[in-house]
N, C-alpha and C. Protein backbone atom coordinates (compact mmCIF):
# COMPACT_ATOMS: atom_id res chain seq x y z
N MET A 1 0.77 -1.08 -0.06
CA MET A 1 0.00 0.10 0.01
C MET A 1 1.12 1.57 -0.05
N THR A 2 0.60 2.42 -0.94
CA THR A 2 1.37 3.30 -1.15
C THR A 2 0.93 4.48 0.14
N ILE A 3 1.85 5.33 0.13
CA ILE A 3 1.58 6.01 1.59
C ILE A 3 0.24 7.26 0.81
N ASP A 4 0.08 7.27 -0.12
CA ASP A 4 -1.14 8.17 -0.79
C ASP A 4 -2.39 7.47 -0.36
N ASN A 5 -2.12 6.09 -0.45
CA ASN A 5 -3.77 5.16 -0.04
C ASN A 5 -3.68 5.25 1.02
N GLN A 6 -2.74 4.93 1.81
CA GLN A 6 -2.89 5.18 3.48
C GLN A 6 -3.41 6.17 4.11
N PHE A 7 -2.62 7.16 3.97
CA PHE A 7 -3.75 8.65 3.62
C PHE A 7 -5.30 8.90 3.90
N PHE A 8 -5.44 8.57 2.11
CA PHE A 8 -6.76 8.45 2.02
C PHE A 8 -7.76 7.34 2.46
N ARG A 9 -6.92 6.38 3.00
CA ARG A 9 -7.70 4.85 4.05
C ARG A 9 -7.84 5.26 5.15
N CYS A 10 -7.00 6.12 6.04
CA CYS A 10 -6.76 7.15 7.17
C CYS A 10 -8.08 8.18 7.28
N LEU A 11 -8.08 8.41 6.12
CA LEU A 11 -9.45 9.66 6.19
C LEU A 11 -10.57 9.31 6.51
N LYS A 12 -10.75 7.79 5.65
CA LYS A 12 -12.13 7.56 5.40
C LYS A 12 -12.28 6.54 6.89
N ASN A 13 -11.44 5.86 7.49
CA ASN A 13 -11.57 5.20 8.78
C ASN A 13 -11.88 6.37 9.49
N ASN A 14 -13.30 6.29 10.14
CA ASN A 14 -13.53 7.19 11.41
C ASN A 14 -13.32 6.42 12.85
N ASN A 15 -12.79 5.37 13.16
CA ASN A 15 -12.37 5.35 14.57
C ASN A 15 -12.14 5.76 15.35
N SER A 16 -12.43 5.95 16.74
CA SER A 16 -11.51 6.97 17.61
C SER A 16 -10.17 7.28 17.65
N HIS A 17 -9.06 5.64 17.92
CA HIS A 17 -8.24 5.77 17.96
C HIS A 17 -7.13 6.51 16.50
N ASN A 18 -8.12 6.92 15.44
CA ASN A 18 -7.44 8.11 14.41
C ASN A 18 -7.85 9.48 14.15
N PRO A 19 -7.29 10.43 15.08
CA PRO A 19 -7.62 11.70 15.43
C PRO A 19 -7.73 12.05 13.85
N ILE A 20 -7.36 11.35 12.87
CA ILE A 20 -7.52 12.38 11.17
C ILE A 20 -8.33 11.79 10.26
N GLY A 21 -8.99 10.52 11.13
CA GLY A 21 -10.32 10.14 10.73
C GLY A 21 -11.66 10.85 10.96
N ASP A 22 -11.28 11.48 12.51
CA ASP A 22 -12.16 12.60 13.08
C ASP A 22 -12.90 13.35 11.81
N SER A 23 -14.32 13.41 12.42
CA SER A 23 -14.64 14.45 11.14
C SER A 23 -14.43 15.91 11.80
N SER A 24 -14.40 16.11 12.67
CA SER A 24 -14.19 17.34 13.17
C SER A 24 -13.07 18.17 11.98
N MET A 25 -11.29 16.75 12.10
CA MET A 25 -10.55 17.20 11.99
C MET A 25 -10.26 17.37 10.01
N LYS A 26 -11.57 16.21 9.70
CA LYS A 26 -11.46 16.36 7.92
C LYS A 26 -11.76 18.07 7.67
N LYS A 27 -13.08 18.79 8.63
CA LYS A 27 -13.74 19.87 8.29
C LYS A 27 -12.35 20.74 8.40
N THR A 28 -11.33 20.27 9.66
CA THR A 28 -10.02 21.70 9.76
C THR A 28 -9.26 21.55 8.52
N ILE A 29 -8.89 20.47 7.80
CA ILE A 29 -8.51 20.47 6.86
C ILE A 29 -8.95 20.81 5.28
N LEU A 30 -10.17 20.43 5.43
CA LEU A 30 -10.78 21.15 4.27
C LEU A 30 -10.87 22.85 4.07
N VAL A 31 -10.84 23.12 5.36
CA VAL A 31 -10.69 24.76 5.79
C VAL A 31 -9.29 25.42 4.89
N LEU A 32 -8.38 24.68 5.59
CA LEU A 32 -6.97 24.98 5.48
C LEU A 32 -6.66 24.88 3.98
N VAL A 33 -7.05 23.91 3.52
CA VAL A 33 -6.95 23.72 2.03
C VAL A 33 -8.14 24.61 1.51
N VAL A 34 -8.91 25.08 1.44
CA VAL A 34 -9.67 26.39 0.53
C VAL A 34 -8.93 27.76 0.98
N VAL A 35 -8.05 27.50 2.71
CA VAL A 35 -8.03 28.87 2.53
C VAL A 35 -6.34 29.03 2.07
N VAL A 36 -5.74 27.87 1.77
CA VAL A 36 -4.44 27.85 1.04
C VAL A 36 -4.77 28.64 -0.47
N PHE A 37 -5.30 28.16 -0.90
CA PHE A 37 -5.61 28.01 -2.50
C PHE A 37 -6.75 29.45 -2.45
N CYS A 38 -7.39 29.93 -1.90
CA CYS A 38 -8.04 31.27 -2.06
C CYS A 38 -7.41 32.58 -1.80
N LEU A 39 -6.13 32.18 -0.72
CA LEU A 39 -5.66 33.51 -0.38
C LEU A 39 -4.95 34.61 -1.08
N PRO A 40 -4.42 33.51 -2.42
CA PRO A 40 -3.52 34.77 -3.64
C PRO A 40 -4.72 35.33 -3.95
N ALA A 41 -5.85 34.82 -4.50
CA ALA A 41 -6.95 35.74 -4.63
C ALA A 41 -7.50 37.04 -3.78
N PHE A 42 -7.23 37.32 -2.63
CA PHE A 42 -7.75 37.57 -1.78
C PHE A 42 -6.66 39.37 -1.53
N ALA A 43 -5.25 38.53 -1.80
CA ALA A 43 -4.06 39.16 -1.70
C ALA A 43 -3.80 39.73 -2.82
N GLN A 44 -4.29 39.72 -4.18
CA GLN A 44 -4.06 40.39 -5.42
C GLN A 44 -3.73 41.70 -5.20
N ASN A 45 -2.68 42.38 -5.98
CA ASN A 45 -2.87 43.83 -5.80
C ASN A 45 -3.54 44.47 -7.25
N LYS A 46 -3.83 45.23 -7.36
CA LYS A 46 -4.91 46.04 -7.90
C LYS A 46 -3.97 46.98 -9.01
N PHE A 47 -4.10 47.17 -10.20
CA PHE A 47 -3.53 48.42 -10.82
C PHE A 47 -4.27 49.20 -10.73
N VAL A 48 -3.13 50.63 -10.61
CA VAL A 48 -3.71 51.74 -9.81
C VAL A 48 -3.47 53.02 -10.91
N GLY A 49 -2.92 52.80 -12.17
CA GLY A 49 -2.54 53.71 -13.19
C GLY A 49 -1.98 54.37 -13.14
N THR A 50 -1.01 55.31 -13.96
CA THR A 50 -0.07 55.89 -14.15
C THR A 50 -0.40 57.62 -13.59
N GLY A 51 -1.72 57.87 -13.84
CA GLY A 51 -2.09 58.70 -12.45
C GLY A 51 -1.66 59.03 -11.51
N THR A 52 -1.85 58.07 -10.64
CA THR A 52 -0.94 57.85 -9.13
C THR A 52 -0.04 58.07 -9.34
N CYS A 53 1.13 58.05 -10.46
CA CYS A 53 2.85 58.12 -10.40
C CYS A 53 2.95 59.64 -10.43
N ALA A 54 2.60 60.55 -9.98
CA ALA A 54 2.92 62.05 -10.35
C ALA A 54 4.00 62.16 -9.60
N CYS A 55 4.08 61.67 -8.71
CA CYS A 55 5.64 61.86 -7.63
C CYS A 55 6.99 61.70 -8.72
N HIS A 56 6.44 61.01 -9.71
CA HIS A 56 8.15 60.28 -10.16
C HIS A 56 8.12 61.10 -11.57
N ASN A 57 7.42 62.08 -11.22
CA ASN A 57 7.36 63.26 -13.16
C ASN A 57 8.35 64.64 -12.09
N LEU A 58 8.50 64.47 -11.16
CA LEU A 58 9.44 65.78 -10.29
C LEU A 58 10.70 65.63 -10.87
N PRO A 59 11.76 66.51 -11.16
CA PRO A 59 13.02 66.55 -11.13
C PRO A 59 13.81 65.79 -10.69
N LYS A 60 13.27 65.52 -9.00
CA LYS A 60 14.63 64.61 -8.49
C LYS A 60 13.73 63.38 -9.07
N GLN A 61 13.09 62.90 -9.37
CA GLN A 61 12.46 61.66 -9.92
C GLN A 61 12.96 61.22 -11.62
N GLY A 62 13.70 62.36 -11.76
CA GLY A 62 13.86 62.26 -13.33
C GLY A 62 12.93 62.32 -14.37
N LYS A 63 11.75 62.87 -13.67
CA LYS A 63 10.56 63.59 -14.60
C LYS A 63 9.92 62.08 -15.64
N GLN A 64 10.11 60.81 -14.36
CA GLN A 64 9.63 59.78 -15.28
C GLN A 64 8.42 59.69 -16.15
N VAL A 65 7.33 60.37 -15.61
CA VAL A 65 6.46 60.17 -16.19
C VAL A 65 6.01 60.96 -17.37
N ASP A 66 7.00 61.62 -17.75
CA ASP A 66 7.26 62.76 -19.12
C ASP A 66 7.80 61.80 -19.79
N VAL A 67 8.95 61.06 -19.68
CA VAL A 67 9.77 59.82 -20.34
C VAL A 67 8.37 59.06 -20.90
N TRP A 68 7.29 58.77 -19.98
CA TRP A 68 6.62 57.81 -20.34
C TRP A 68 5.56 58.17 -21.61
N LYS A 69 5.20 59.49 -21.44
CA LYS A 69 3.92 60.41 -22.31
C LYS A 69 4.83 60.48 -23.55
N LYS A 70 6.06 60.62 -23.74
CA LYS A 70 6.52 61.13 -25.12
C LYS A 70 7.40 59.82 -25.53
N SER A 71 6.56 58.24 -24.89
CA SER A 71 6.80 57.08 -25.42
C SER A 71 5.84 56.33 -26.41
N LYS A 72 5.98 55.32 -27.29
CA LYS A 72 4.85 55.23 -28.00
C LYS A 72 3.84 54.37 -27.23
N HIS A 73 4.46 53.86 -25.75
CA HIS A 73 3.82 53.15 -24.48
C HIS A 73 2.68 53.67 -24.59
N ALA A 74 2.71 55.21 -23.84
CA ALA A 74 1.47 56.03 -23.81
C ALA A 74 0.37 56.07 -24.97
N GLU A 75 1.03 55.78 -26.26
CA GLU A 75 -0.10 55.89 -27.29
C GLU A 75 -0.33 54.22 -27.82
N ALA A 76 -0.06 53.16 -27.08
CA ALA A 76 -0.14 52.08 -27.79
C ALA A 76 -1.93 51.80 -27.87
N PHE A 77 -2.61 51.84 -26.96
CA PHE A 77 -4.34 52.11 -26.80
C PHE A 77 -4.85 52.83 -28.25
N THR A 78 -4.38 54.05 -28.10
CA THR A 78 -4.85 54.79 -29.33
C THR A 78 -4.58 53.68 -30.30
N THR A 79 -3.40 52.90 -30.81
CA THR A 79 -3.07 52.63 -32.23
C THR A 79 -4.48 51.31 -32.45
N LEU A 80 -4.73 51.15 -31.28
CA LEU A 80 -6.18 49.95 -31.32
C LEU A 80 -7.37 50.50 -32.25
N LYS A 81 -6.87 52.18 -32.53
CA LYS A 81 -8.29 52.82 -33.01
C LYS A 81 -8.22 52.89 -34.37
N SER A 82 -7.23 52.81 -35.32
CA SER A 82 -6.59 52.60 -36.22
C SER A 82 -7.38 51.69 -37.60
N ASP A 83 -7.34 52.06 -38.62
CA ASP A 83 -7.95 51.57 -39.85
C ASP A 83 -7.02 49.48 -39.63
N LYS A 84 -5.71 50.07 -39.83
CA LYS A 84 -4.87 48.68 -39.20
C LYS A 84 -5.39 47.84 -38.26
N ALA A 85 -5.61 48.44 -37.24
CA ALA A 85 -5.80 47.69 -36.13
C ALA A 85 -7.27 47.02 -36.56
N ALA A 86 -8.46 47.27 -37.27
CA ALA A 86 -9.68 46.84 -37.28
C ALA A 86 -9.13 45.73 -38.49
N GLU A 87 -8.31 45.92 -39.93
CA GLU A 87 -7.93 44.90 -40.28
C GLU A 87 -7.72 43.74 -39.72
N ILE A 88 -6.74 44.24 -38.83
CA ILE A 88 -5.98 43.34 -38.11
C ILE A 88 -7.11 42.27 -37.52
N VAL A 89 -7.97 42.82 -37.05
CA VAL A 89 -8.78 42.06 -36.02
C VAL A 89 -10.04 40.98 -36.94
N LYS A 90 -10.41 41.88 -37.80
CA LYS A 90 -11.42 41.64 -38.67
C LYS A 90 -10.27 39.98 -39.40
N ALA A 91 -9.24 40.37 -40.20
CA ALA A 91 -8.54 39.19 -40.56
C ALA A 91 -8.08 37.74 -39.83
N LYS A 92 -8.35 38.27 -38.20
CA LYS A 92 -7.90 37.09 -37.33
C LYS A 92 -9.65 36.19 -36.62
N GLY A 93 -10.80 37.17 -37.28
CA GLY A 93 -11.72 36.44 -37.05
C GLY A 93 -11.92 36.83 -35.73
N ILE A 94 -12.03 38.29 -35.08
CA ILE A 94 -12.25 38.88 -33.77
C ILE A 94 -13.58 39.27 -34.14
N LYS A 95 -14.79 39.30 -33.27
CA LYS A 95 -15.73 39.90 -33.61
C LYS A 95 -15.89 41.16 -32.31
N VAL A 96 -14.84 41.69 -32.06
CA VAL A 96 -15.18 43.37 -31.32
C VAL A 96 -13.77 43.45 -31.91
N ALA A 97 -14.04 45.04 -31.31
CA ALA A 97 -13.37 46.55 -32.22
C ALA A 97 -12.00 45.72 -31.27
N ALA A 98 -10.87 46.35 -31.76
CA ALA A 98 -9.58 45.89 -31.30
C ALA A 98 -9.42 46.36 -29.82
N THR A 99 -10.20 47.45 -29.89
CA THR A 99 -10.18 48.57 -28.51
C THR A 99 -10.65 47.65 -27.33
N GLU A 100 -11.43 46.64 -27.66
CA GLU A 100 -12.04 45.54 -26.74
C GLU A 100 -11.49 44.18 -26.52
N ALA A 101 -10.84 44.14 -27.43
CA ALA A 101 -10.33 42.71 -27.68
C ALA A 101 -9.19 42.20 -26.78
N LYS A 102 -9.27 41.08 -26.29
CA LYS A 102 -8.30 40.65 -25.25
C LYS A 102 -7.23 40.52 -25.98
N GLU A 103 -7.59 39.90 -27.03
CA GLU A 103 -6.39 39.67 -27.82
C GLU A 103 -5.03 40.60 -27.66
N CYS A 104 -5.68 42.03 -27.99
CA CYS A 104 -5.24 43.60 -28.79
C CYS A 104 -4.96 43.81 -27.40
N LEU A 105 -5.59 44.15 -26.06
CA LEU A 105 -5.58 44.67 -24.54
C LEU A 105 -4.22 44.47 -24.38
N GLU A 106 -4.08 42.83 -24.31
CA GLU A 106 -3.05 42.13 -23.78
C GLU A 106 -2.04 42.81 -23.83
N CYS A 107 -1.58 43.66 -25.24
CA CYS A 107 -0.02 44.08 -25.22
C CYS A 107 -0.19 45.74 -25.86
N HIS A 108 -1.26 46.28 -25.64
CA HIS A 108 -1.74 47.78 -26.20
C HIS A 108 -2.16 48.31 -25.11
N SER A 109 -2.43 47.64 -23.94
CA SER A 109 -2.73 48.45 -22.43
C SER A 109 -2.27 47.57 -21.52
N THR A 110 -2.58 48.02 -20.14
CA THR A 110 -2.17 47.37 -18.92
C THR A 110 -3.05 47.08 -17.86
N GLY A 111 -3.25 46.05 -17.45
CA GLY A 111 -4.36 45.84 -16.77
C GLY A 111 -5.37 45.24 -17.15
N ALA A 112 -5.55 45.04 -18.43
CA ALA A 112 -7.03 44.55 -19.20
C ALA A 112 -7.59 43.38 -18.50
N GLY A 113 -8.38 43.18 -17.90
CA GLY A 113 -9.28 41.71 -17.03
C GLY A 113 -8.77 41.72 -15.94
N GLU A 114 -7.93 42.65 -15.63
CA GLU A 114 -7.01 42.23 -14.11
C GLU A 114 -7.93 43.11 -13.09
N ALA A 115 -7.69 42.53 -11.49
CA ALA A 115 -8.64 43.41 -10.67
C ALA A 115 -7.63 45.70 -10.73
N VAL A 116 -8.46 46.28 -10.84
CA VAL A 116 -7.72 47.73 -10.63
C VAL A 116 -8.59 48.36 -9.75
N GLU A 117 -8.15 49.67 -9.63
CA GLU A 117 -9.13 50.35 -8.87
C GLU A 117 -9.54 51.53 -9.54
N LYS A 118 -10.52 52.17 -8.80
CA LYS A 118 -11.07 53.11 -9.71
C LYS A 118 -9.98 54.29 -10.17
N SER A 119 -8.93 55.01 -10.11
CA SER A 119 -8.14 55.72 -10.56
C SER A 119 -7.60 55.15 -11.84
N PHE A 120 -7.54 53.90 -11.89
CA PHE A 120 -7.25 53.06 -13.82
C PHE A 120 -7.78 53.22 -14.74
N LYS A 121 -7.41 53.84 -15.86
CA LYS A 121 -7.86 54.14 -17.30
C LYS A 121 -6.86 52.92 -18.12
N VAL A 122 -7.28 52.13 -18.52
CA VAL A 122 -6.94 50.99 -19.62
C VAL A 122 -6.89 51.58 -20.53
N GLU A 123 -7.80 53.22 -21.20
CA GLU A 123 -7.20 53.33 -22.30
C GLU A 123 -5.84 54.37 -22.55
N MET A 124 -5.26 54.47 -21.08
CA MET A 124 -3.79 55.27 -21.22
C MET A 124 -2.93 54.25 -21.50
N GLY A 125 -3.22 53.23 -22.10
CA GLY A 125 -2.04 52.61 -23.12
C GLY A 125 -1.29 51.42 -22.06
N VAL A 126 0.13 51.76 -22.50
CA VAL A 126 1.21 50.69 -21.64
C VAL A 126 1.58 51.75 -20.29
N GLN A 127 1.05 50.89 -19.36
CA GLN A 127 1.58 52.24 -18.43
C GLN A 127 2.87 51.50 -17.23
N CYS A 128 3.07 52.42 -16.42
CA CYS A 128 4.19 52.13 -15.81
C CYS A 128 4.17 50.60 -15.25
N GLU A 129 2.77 50.08 -14.91
CA GLU A 129 2.64 49.10 -14.22
C GLU A 129 2.57 47.65 -15.00
N ALA A 130 3.17 48.08 -16.22
CA ALA A 130 3.10 46.85 -17.00
C ALA A 130 4.70 46.44 -16.88
N CYS A 131 5.61 46.97 -17.10
CA CYS A 131 7.04 46.65 -16.23
C CYS A 131 7.34 46.61 -14.52
N HIS A 132 6.46 47.37 -13.89
CA HIS A 132 7.02 47.31 -12.72
C HIS A 132 5.63 47.09 -11.83
N GLY A 133 4.68 45.92 -12.27
CA GLY A 133 3.68 45.02 -11.47
C GLY A 133 2.98 46.08 -10.89
N ALA A 134 1.56 45.51 -10.91
CA ALA A 134 0.20 46.15 -10.06
C ALA A 134 0.45 46.89 -9.42
N ALA A 135 0.04 48.12 -8.45
CA ALA A 135 0.99 48.97 -7.67
C ALA A 135 0.55 49.10 -6.45
N SER A 136 -1.31 48.72 -6.34
CA SER A 136 -2.04 49.19 -5.13
C SER A 136 -0.88 48.43 -3.66
N GLY A 137 -0.41 47.55 -3.72
CA GLY A 137 0.66 46.92 -2.69
C GLY A 137 1.92 47.60 -2.53
N TYR A 138 2.19 48.10 -3.09
CA TYR A 138 4.02 48.95 -2.98
C TYR A 138 3.71 50.57 -3.22
N LYS A 139 2.44 51.13 -3.41
CA LYS A 139 2.75 52.59 -3.92
C LYS A 139 2.68 53.60 -2.91
N ALA A 140 2.33 53.21 -1.60
CA ALA A 140 2.70 53.75 -0.45
C ALA A 140 3.94 53.97 0.53
N ILE A 141 4.58 52.79 0.09
CA ILE A 141 6.02 52.37 0.92
C ILE A 141 7.39 52.49 -0.13
N HIS A 142 7.06 52.38 -1.92
CA HIS A 142 8.24 52.07 -2.52
C HIS A 142 9.13 53.75 -2.92
N ASN A 143 8.88 54.44 -1.96
CA ASN A 143 9.36 55.82 -2.26
C ASN A 143 10.49 56.25 -1.40
N LYS A 144 10.81 55.14 -0.11
CA LYS A 144 11.94 55.38 0.10
C LYS A 144 13.47 54.28 0.26
N PRO A 145 13.96 54.36 -0.02
CA PRO A 145 15.29 53.35 -0.05
C PRO A 145 15.22 52.13 1.13
N GLU A 146 15.00 52.66 2.00
CA GLU A 146 14.86 51.60 3.36
C GLU A 146 13.55 50.91 3.02
N ASN A 147 12.31 51.18 2.07
CA ASN A 147 11.72 50.43 1.61
C ASN A 147 11.65 49.74 0.61
N LYS A 148 12.78 49.35 0.21
CA LYS A 148 13.15 48.80 -1.29
C LYS A 148 12.67 47.65 -1.27
N GLU A 149 12.97 46.88 -0.14
CA GLU A 149 12.96 44.97 -0.01
C GLU A 149 11.52 44.71 0.38
N LYS A 150 10.68 45.54 1.43
CA LYS A 150 9.51 45.39 1.73
C LYS A 150 8.75 45.48 0.30
N ALA A 151 8.83 46.83 -0.84
CA ALA A 151 8.34 46.98 -2.15
C ALA A 151 8.39 46.05 -2.92
N ILE A 152 9.52 45.46 -3.02
CA ILE A 152 9.74 44.37 -3.60
C ILE A 152 9.07 43.15 -3.48
N ALA A 153 8.77 42.76 -2.18
CA ALA A 153 7.66 41.75 -1.22
C ALA A 153 6.36 41.74 -1.70
N ALA A 154 6.09 43.20 -1.74
CA ALA A 154 4.61 43.35 -1.95
C ALA A 154 4.22 43.83 -3.64
N GLY A 155 5.29 42.88 -4.33
CA GLY A 155 4.78 43.45 -5.95
C GLY A 155 5.43 44.46 -6.97
N LEU A 156 6.62 45.06 -6.54
CA LEU A 156 7.18 45.94 -7.25
C LEU A 156 8.21 45.26 -8.18
N LEU A 157 8.02 45.41 -9.01
CA LEU A 157 8.84 44.71 -9.70
C LEU A 157 10.08 45.47 -10.95
N LYS A 158 11.10 45.18 -11.63
CA LYS A 158 11.92 45.82 -12.04
C LYS A 158 11.72 45.11 -13.83
N GLY A 159 11.16 45.83 -14.44
CA GLY A 159 11.26 45.23 -15.89
C GLY A 159 12.45 45.01 -16.91
N ASP A 160 12.65 44.09 -17.49
CA ASP A 160 13.73 43.22 -18.00
C ASP A 160 13.15 42.96 -19.31
N GLU A 161 14.44 42.65 -19.96
CA GLU A 161 14.50 42.00 -21.62
C GLU A 161 13.17 41.03 -21.54
N LYS A 162 12.87 40.50 -20.73
CA LYS A 162 11.66 39.03 -20.70
C LYS A 162 10.57 39.87 -20.74
N THR A 163 10.47 40.75 -19.76
CA THR A 163 9.38 41.68 -19.74
C THR A 163 8.42 42.24 -20.72
N CYS A 164 9.63 42.80 -21.78
CA CYS A 164 9.46 43.40 -22.84
C CYS A 164 9.17 42.45 -23.42
N LYS A 165 9.72 41.12 -23.81
CA LYS A 165 9.48 40.23 -24.97
C LYS A 165 7.93 39.46 -24.58
N GLN A 166 7.22 39.67 -23.78
CA GLN A 166 5.93 39.30 -23.62
C GLN A 166 4.61 39.62 -24.68
N CYS A 167 5.33 40.95 -25.03
CA CYS A 167 4.81 41.57 -26.15
C CYS A 167 5.51 41.64 -27.62
N HIS A 168 6.86 42.34 -27.06
CA HIS A 168 7.56 42.58 -28.25
C HIS A 168 8.56 41.11 -28.65
N GLY A 169 8.44 40.91 -30.34
CA GLY A 169 9.28 39.86 -30.76
C GLY A 169 8.26 38.57 -31.06
N ALA A 170 8.33 37.68 -30.54
CA ALA A 170 7.23 36.80 -31.00
C ALA A 170 5.33 37.39 -30.87
N ASN A 171 4.98 38.11 -31.51
CA ASN A 171 3.77 38.60 -31.47
C ASN A 171 2.93 37.56 -32.06
N LYS A 172 1.65 36.79 -31.25
CA LYS A 172 0.97 35.97 -31.77
C LYS A 172 -0.13 36.92 -32.39
N MET A 173 -0.61 38.19 -32.38
CA MET A 173 -1.80 38.61 -33.15
C MET A 173 -1.00 39.20 -34.55
N HIS A 174 -0.02 39.98 -34.75
CA HIS A 174 0.18 40.58 -35.72
C HIS A 174 1.85 40.56 -36.37
N ASP A 175 2.49 40.76 -37.13
CA ASP A 175 3.89 40.76 -37.23
C ASP A 175 4.39 42.60 -36.88
N ALA A 176 5.01 42.59 -36.27
CA ALA A 176 5.79 43.53 -35.48
C ALA A 176 6.72 43.66 -36.02
N LYS A 177 7.46 45.00 -35.72
CA LYS A 177 8.85 44.94 -36.17
C LYS A 177 9.57 44.28 -35.33
N ALA A 178 11.17 43.90 -35.74
CA ALA A 178 11.93 43.55 -35.28
C ALA A 178 12.24 43.94 -33.94
N PHE A 179 12.37 43.23 -32.66
CA PHE A 179 12.29 43.91 -31.53
C PHE A 179 14.06 43.99 -31.15
N ASN A 180 14.46 45.17 -30.52
CA ASN A 180 16.28 45.24 -30.18
C ASN A 180 16.10 45.64 -28.77
N PHE A 181 16.16 45.03 -27.85
CA PHE A 181 16.06 45.30 -26.32
C PHE A 181 17.12 46.51 -26.38
N LYS A 182 18.05 46.07 -26.50
CA LYS A 182 19.26 47.38 -26.32
C LYS A 182 18.95 48.88 -27.00
N LYS A 183 18.62 48.65 -28.40
CA LYS A 183 18.24 49.83 -28.77
C LYS A 183 16.88 50.51 -28.05
N SER A 184 15.71 49.28 -28.50
CA SER A 184 14.73 50.00 -27.76
C SER A 184 14.40 50.49 -25.89
N TRP A 185 15.63 50.19 -25.29
CA TRP A 185 15.54 50.97 -23.52
C TRP A 185 16.40 51.57 -23.69
N GLU A 186 17.00 52.13 -24.85
CA GLU A 186 17.76 53.64 -24.88
C GLU A 186 16.53 54.54 -25.03
N GLU A 187 15.54 54.22 -25.72
CA GLU A 187 14.42 55.10 -25.84
C GLU A 187 13.50 55.48 -24.82
N ILE A 188 13.25 54.39 -23.97
CA ILE A 188 12.33 54.28 -22.99
C ILE A 188 13.01 54.67 -21.13
N LYS A 189 14.37 54.01 -21.48
CA LYS A 189 15.13 54.22 -19.82
C LYS A 189 14.74 55.52 -19.25
N HIS A 190 14.65 55.07 -17.84
CA HIS A 190 14.32 56.42 -16.90
C HIS A 190 14.36 56.13 -15.43
N PRO A 191 16.00 56.51 -15.65
CA PRO A 191 16.72 56.13 -14.09
C PRO A 191 16.41 57.32 -13.21
N THR A 192 16.45 57.20 -11.96
CA THR A 192 16.24 58.17 -11.03
C THR A 192 17.46 58.83 -11.15
N PRO A 193 17.86 60.24 -11.08
CA PRO A 193 19.04 60.43 -10.95
C PRO A 193 19.44 60.16 -9.50
N LYS A 194 20.93 60.05 -9.86
CA LYS A 194 21.93 60.32 -8.42
C LYS A 194 21.82 61.22 -7.61
N GLY A 195 21.69 61.17 -6.18
CA GLY A 195 21.66 62.62 -5.28
C GLY A 195 20.62 63.13 -4.97
């Protein structure tokens, strides 16, 4: 008899010398299993939107929001309103407009179909949180160097080449331009100034 079979046989056996066979123990185990599997859903960070990142537009932060506003990422959702986008969704057999299609929103917006706060606007395109993670868990603590580890534990990410290639590169919806991470990074990098 295997260990798995012994465990389940033990659960079925409801005698007094077997505490795991006790019905209250079974209920406790069931509750614990449900809690373990449901807890991540309750703790899921929400997308808050670039509008809540105003501090990142201060000179001491390198005017990072302005860098984003001038990027193609800020206009990514707008491209879904183009004739070309309409042609692509039609060719792919998608029955809704590109601005509503999950397949398009995955790369032309941030947080589509995810948990979002009222401040979030999908129409703002590929926002900060596409690379840095849904911010509701870290937005209040990430601005101080001593909180860096706490912010990371709360969901703050540092975007990298792998993050970019989720959309750039092997695009399943349409032929995108060849992606060169180093060249593209030079266009969108937004470091915090030293000092």
